[in-house]
C-alpha atoms as a PDB file:
ATOM      1  CA  MET A   1     139.766 160.901  85.366  1.00  0.00           C
ATOM      2  CA  ALA A   2     137.512 158.092  86.567  1.00  0.00           C
ATOM      3  CA  GLU A   3     138.534 154.523  85.946  1.00  0.00           C
ATOM      4  CA  GLN A   4     136.804 152.940  82.953  1.00  0.00           C
ATOM      5  CA  SER A   5     135.325 149.535  83.620  1.00  0.00           C
ATOM      6  CA  TRP A   6     132.863 147.110  82.105  1.00  0.00           C
ATOM      7  CA  GLN A   7     130.824 144.191  83.297  1.00  0.00           C
ATOM      8  CA  LEU A   8     131.187 141.175  81.043  1.00  0.00           C
ATOM      9  CA  ARG A   9     127.719 139.648  81.059  1.00  0.00           C
ATOM     10  CA  GLN A  10     125.984 136.656  79.577  1.00  0.00           C
ATOM     11  CA  GLY A  11     122.353 137.603  79.848  1.00  0.00           C
ATOM     12  CA  GLU A  12     121.741 138.390  83.510  1.00  0.00           C
ATOM     13  CA  ARG A  13     124.833 136.444  84.610  1.00  0.00           C
ATOM     14  CA  LEU A  14     128.008 138.311  85.566  1.00  0.00           C
ATOM     15  CA  VAL A  15     131.022 136.681  83.932  1.00  0.00           C
ATOM     16  CA  GLY A  16     133.475 139.232  85.314  1.00  0.00           C
ATOM     17  CA  THR A  17     134.556 142.836  85.561  1.00  0.00           C
ATOM     18  CA  LEU A  18     137.163 144.481  83.345  1.00  0.00           C
ATOM     19  CA  ALA A  19     138.983 147.602  84.542  1.00  0.00           C
ATOM     20  CA  LEU A  20     140.930 149.508  81.907  1.00  0.00           C
ATOM     21  CA  GLU A  21     144.669 149.678  82.544  1.00  0.00           C
ATOM     22  CA  SER A  22     145.886 150.839  79.128  1.00  0.00           C
ATOM     23  CA  GLY A  23     144.892 150.866  75.512  1.00  0.00           C
ATOM     24  CA  ASP A  24     146.073 151.530  72.031  1.00  0.00           C
ATOM     25  CA  MET A  25     144.403 152.018  68.689  1.00  0.00           C
ATOM     26  CA  PHE A  26     143.101 148.453  68.598  1.00  0.00           C
ATOM     27  CA  TRP A  27     143.065 146.779  72.021  1.00  0.00           C
ATOM     28  CA  SER A  28     141.919 147.776  75.497  1.00  0.00           C
ATOM     29  CA  ASP A  29     144.079 146.087  78.136  1.00  0.00           C
ATOM     30  CA  CYS A  30     142.242 145.428  81.378  1.00  0.00           C
ATOM     31  CA  ARG A  31     142.492 143.869  84.800  1.00  0.00           C
ATOM     32  CA  PHE A  32     139.979 141.004  85.015  1.00  0.00           C
ATOM     33  CA  GLU A  33     138.061 140.044  88.128  1.00  0.00           C
ATOM     34  CA  PRO A  34     136.024 136.867  87.609  1.00  0.00           C
ATOM     35  CA  GLY A  35     132.347 136.765  88.473  1.00  0.00           C
ATOM     36  CA  PRO A  36     129.991 133.883  89.276  1.00  0.00           C
ATOM     37  CA  ALA A  37     129.556 132.793  85.620  1.00  0.00           C
ATOM     38  CA  TRP A  38     133.297 132.730  84.811  1.00  0.00           C
ATOM     39  CA  GLU A  39     133.871 129.106  85.756  1.00  0.00           C
ATOM     40  CA  GLY A  40     131.573 127.838  83.006  1.00  0.00           C
ATOM     41  CA  LEU A  41     133.242 129.953  80.296  1.00  0.00           C
ATOM     42  CA  ALA A  42     136.895 129.730  81.368  1.00  0.00           C
ATOM     43  CA  PRO A  43     137.566 126.523  79.384  1.00  0.00           C
ATOM     44  CA  LEU A  44     136.460 128.240  76.160  1.00  0.00           C
ATOM     45  CA  PHE A  45     138.977 131.038  76.670  1.00  0.00           C
ATOM     46  CA  ALA A  46     141.708 128.530  77.539  1.00  0.00           C
ATOM     47  CA  GLU A  47     140.953 126.586  74.358  1.00  0.00           C
ATOM     48  CA  SER A  48     141.290 129.731  72.240  1.00  0.00           C
ATOM     49  CA  ARG A  49     144.522 130.810  73.967  1.00  0.00           C
ATOM     50  CA  ASP A  50     146.100 127.355  73.646  1.00  0.00           C
ATOM     51  CA  ALA A  51     145.170 127.049  69.964  1.00  0.00           C
ATOM     52  CA  TRP A  52     146.672 130.467  69.154  1.00  0.00           C
ATOM     53  CA  ARG A  53     149.847 129.612  71.074  1.00  0.00           C
ATOM     54  CA  ARG A  54     150.383 126.352  69.209  1.00  0.00           C
ATOM     55  CA  GLY A  55     149.729 128.086  65.883  1.00  0.00           C
ATOM     56  CA  ASP A  56     146.563 126.156  65.025  1.00  0.00           C
ATOM     57  CA  GLU A  57     144.671 128.989  63.360  1.00  0.00           C
ATOM     58  CA  ASP A  58     141.659 126.862  62.385  1.00  0.00           C
ATOM     59  CA  ALA A  59     141.153 125.645  65.957  1.00  0.00           C
ATOM     60  CA  ALA A  60     141.761 129.144  67.339  1.00  0.00           C
ATOM     61  CA  LEU A  61     139.201 130.735  65.040  1.00  0.00           C
ATOM     62  CA  ALA A  62     136.687 127.989  65.855  1.00  0.00           C
ATOM     63  CA  ALA A  63     137.265 128.585  69.574  1.00  0.00           C
ATOM     64  CA  ASP A  64     136.816 132.337  69.092  1.00  0.00           C
ATOM     65  CA  GLU A  65     133.558 131.706  67.238  1.00  0.00           C
ATOM     66  CA  THR A  66     132.379 129.514  70.115  1.00  0.00           C
ATOM     67  CA  ILE A  67     133.134 132.346  72.550  1.00  0.00           C
ATOM     68  CA  TYR A  68     131.305 134.820  70.297  1.00  0.00           C
ATOM     69  CA  ALA A  69     128.287 132.474  70.191  1.00  0.00           C
ATOM     70  CA  GLN A  70     127.935 132.780  73.970  1.00  0.00           C
ATOM     71  CA  ASP A  71     126.173 136.142  73.498  1.00  0.00           C
ATOM     72  CA  LEU A  72     128.540 138.025  75.766  1.00  0.00           C
ATOM     73  CA  VAL A  73     128.035 141.758  76.281  1.00  0.00           C
ATOM     74  CA  LEU A  74     130.333 144.406  77.758  1.00  0.00           C
ATOM     75  CA  VAL A  75     128.260 146.795  79.846  1.00  0.00           C
ATOM     76  CA  PRO A  76     130.075 150.032  80.748  1.00  0.00           C
ATOM     77  CA  ASP A  77     129.878 150.889  84.440  1.00  0.00           C
ATOM     78  CA  SER A  78     129.598 154.521  83.329  1.00  0.00           C
ATOM     79  CA  GLY A  79     126.147 153.801  81.912  1.00  0.00           C
ATOM     80  CA  GLY A  80     126.979 154.044  78.217  1.00  0.00           C
ATOM     81  CA  ALA A  81     125.704 151.782  75.471  1.00  0.00           C
ATOM     82  CA  PRO A  82     126.549 148.081  75.828  1.00  0.00           C
ATOM     83  CA  ILE A  83     129.185 146.692  73.471  1.00  0.00           C
ATOM     84  CA  THR A  84     127.906 143.615  71.664  1.00  0.00           C
ATOM     85  CA  GLU A  85     130.434 143.209  68.837  1.00  0.00           C
ATOM     86  CA  PHE A  86     133.931 142.571  70.197  1.00  0.00           C
ATOM     87  CA  LEU A  87     136.846 140.170  70.327  1.00  0.00           C
ATOM     88  CA  ILE A  88     138.032 139.285  73.817  1.00  0.00           C
ATOM     89  CA  ARG A  89     140.935 137.380  75.346  1.00  0.00           C
ATOM     90  CA  ILE A  90     141.112 136.508  79.034  1.00  0.00           C
ATOM     91  CA  GLU A  91     144.004 134.833  80.817  1.00  0.00           C
ATOM     92  CA  GLY A  92     144.169 134.870  84.583  1.00  0.00           C
ATOM     93  CA  GLU A  93     143.804 138.442  85.801  1.00  0.00           C
ATOM     94  CA  VAL A  94     144.419 139.944  82.354  1.00  0.00           C
ATOM     95  CA  ALA A  95     141.772 140.672  79.708  1.00  0.00           C
ATOM     96  CA  ARG A  96     142.063 142.360  76.323  1.00  0.00           C
ATOM     97  CA  PHE A  97     139.265 143.329  74.020  1.00  0.00           C
ATOM     98  CA  ARG A  98     138.773 145.189  70.778  1.00  0.00           C
ATOM     99  CA  HIS A  99     135.597 146.409  69.172  1.00  0.00           C
END
């Protein structure tokens, strides 16, 4: 079976590549390799992660909405339809998304 992977894109800019490692009914767990546009978005993901960890749900949801507003798209390397509606978490070399 070929490895499933997606390009995380913001318009024409490559944010990073996600390679599926495992998944369950809700989340796809991936290895994350940052791309050229990652540096500009990394603080948004850190803000979301930190808010969830400290239990500040309002701040976490606001951070997630800010990430969603970045018009990110997951483009399958297999050539399937892009995923435009998803929730994503990225920390270091680990990414999780659900759609």
